[in-house]
Protein backbone atom coordinates (compact mmCIF):
# COMPACT_ATOMS: atom_id res chain seq x y z
CA MET A 1 109.10 144.51 96.98
CA GLU A 2 105.44 144.43 98.87
CA GLY A 3 107.27 145.53 101.90
CA GLN A 4 108.65 148.62 100.63
CA VAL A 5 105.42 149.22 98.81
CA ILE A 6 103.78 149.22 102.43
CA GLN A 7 106.43 151.02 103.90
CA GLY A 8 105.79 153.91 101.32
CA ILE A 9 102.28 153.76 101.93
CA SER A 10 103.26 154.34 105.91
CA ARG A 11 105.72 157.36 105.01
CA THR A 12 103.02 159.08 102.35
CA LEU A 13 100.21 158.81 104.42
CA TYR A 14 101.39 158.98 107.97
CA GLU A 15 105.04 159.22 108.41
CA GLU A 16 106.16 162.83 109.59
CA VAL A 17 108.96 163.98 111.92
CA LYS A 18 107.80 166.28 114.20
CA PHE A 19 109.38 169.12 116.23
CA ASP A 20 108.70 172.21 118.09
CA ARG A 21 109.17 175.16 116.56
CA GLU A 22 110.87 177.39 119.16
CA SER A 23 113.06 175.45 120.83
CA SER A 24 113.61 173.32 117.69
CA ASN A 25 113.34 170.50 119.70
CA ILE A 26 112.17 166.79 118.16
CA THR A 27 109.14 166.07 119.55
CA SER A 28 108.60 162.75 117.40
CA LYS A 29 110.63 160.78 120.20
CA ASP A 30 109.68 156.85 120.50
CA TRP A 31 106.78 154.46 118.07
CA VAL A 32 104.28 156.24 120.20
CA SER A 33 104.59 159.97 118.93
CA TYR A 34 105.43 158.82 115.34
CA PRO A 35 102.73 158.03 113.51
CA VAL A 36 103.21 154.89 111.22
CA LEU A 37 100.65 152.32 108.99
CA LYS A 38 99.78 149.69 111.73
CA PHE A 39 99.21 146.18 110.73
CA GLY A 40 95.16 146.86 111.75
CA ASP A 41 94.97 149.23 108.82
CA ALA A 42 93.74 148.87 105.95
CA ILE A 43 96.20 147.77 103.24
CA PRO A 44 95.10 147.19 99.72
CA GLU A 45 96.48 144.18 97.79
CA ILE A 46 99.60 144.29 96.03
CA VAL A 47 100.63 142.32 93.18
CA THR A 48 103.75 142.12 92.25
CA VAL A 49 104.20 141.07 88.20
CA LEU A 50 108.19 140.68 87.68
CA ILE A 51 109.74 140.16 84.39
CA ASN A 52 112.17 138.34 83.33
CA ASN A 53 114.55 140.70 81.04
CA LEU A 54 118.37 138.54 80.80
CA ASN A 55 119.70 141.64 78.62
CA ALA A 56 119.11 143.90 81.79
CA PRO A 57 121.68 144.19 84.57
CA VAL A 58 121.49 142.58 88.07
CA THR A 59 120.55 145.31 90.62
CA GLY A 60 118.54 145.64 93.16
CA ALA A 61 113.83 145.64 92.88
CA GLY A 62 112.63 146.22 96.35
CA GLU A 63 114.17 149.33 96.64
CA THR A 64 113.25 151.45 94.16
CA THR A 65 109.23 150.36 94.34
CA ILE A 66 109.02 152.65 97.15
CA THR A 67 109.66 156.08 94.71
CA ILE A 68 106.49 155.38 93.00
CA VAL A 69 103.93 154.82 96.01
CA ALA A 70 103.78 158.74 96.80
CA ALA A 71 102.92 159.71 92.94
CA ALA A 72 100.81 157.06 92.72
CA ILE A 73 98.70 158.19 96.03
CA GLY A 74 98.91 161.81 94.81
CA ASN A 75 97.49 161.06 91.79
CA ALA A 76 94.85 159.01 93.14
CA ILE A 77 93.85 162.10 95.22
CA TYR A 78 94.09 164.61 92.35
CA ASP A 79 92.18 162.53 90.37
CA ALA A 80 89.41 161.84 92.82
CA THR A 81 89.04 165.36 94.37
CA GLY A 82 90.93 167.71 92.22
CA VAL A 83 92.81 168.89 94.71
CA ARG A 84 96.77 168.53 93.98
CA MET A 85 98.76 167.72 96.98
CA ARG A 86 102.42 168.50 97.05
CA GLN A 87 104.34 167.19 100.31
CA ILE A 88 104.14 164.14 102.25
CA PRO A 89 102.68 163.30 104.66
CA PHE A 90 98.75 163.15 102.99
CA ASN A 91 96.67 163.14 105.86
CA PRO A 92 93.36 165.29 106.24
CA GLU A 93 94.79 167.99 108.04
CA ALA A 94 97.33 168.57 104.67
CA PHE A 95 94.63 167.84 102.60
CA LEU A 96 92.60 170.14 103.82
CA ALA A 97 95.24 172.97 103.74
CA ALA A 98 96.37 171.93 100.35
CA LYS A 99 92.46 172.25 99.31
CA ALA A 100 92.08 175.61 100.95
CA ALA A 101 95.08 176.80 99.37
CA GLN A 102 93.61 175.80 95.71
CA LYS A 103 90.87 177.26 95.75
CA ALA A 104 92.52 181.40 97.12
């Protein structure tokens, strides 16, 4: 579960396949040009609480945790700044664009 949360943080804040609009060729072709969360980056403490429910069907647990990360980070950004971001990655450039669009 923690791994999926970390992957979700990376996807939400950094990851984006980039391409050349004129040629439509993908330009992020390797791990150097594709931004991801790195081991040296600050990662918040992730606390997992498992609730045993014998009446629930057996399902995957870790996979579903990635789905809530972008919403949680987006809502935290909105709560802190009043700027609603609607497209990942939530990087500084995207934040400034969302802030400018909101003022318009």
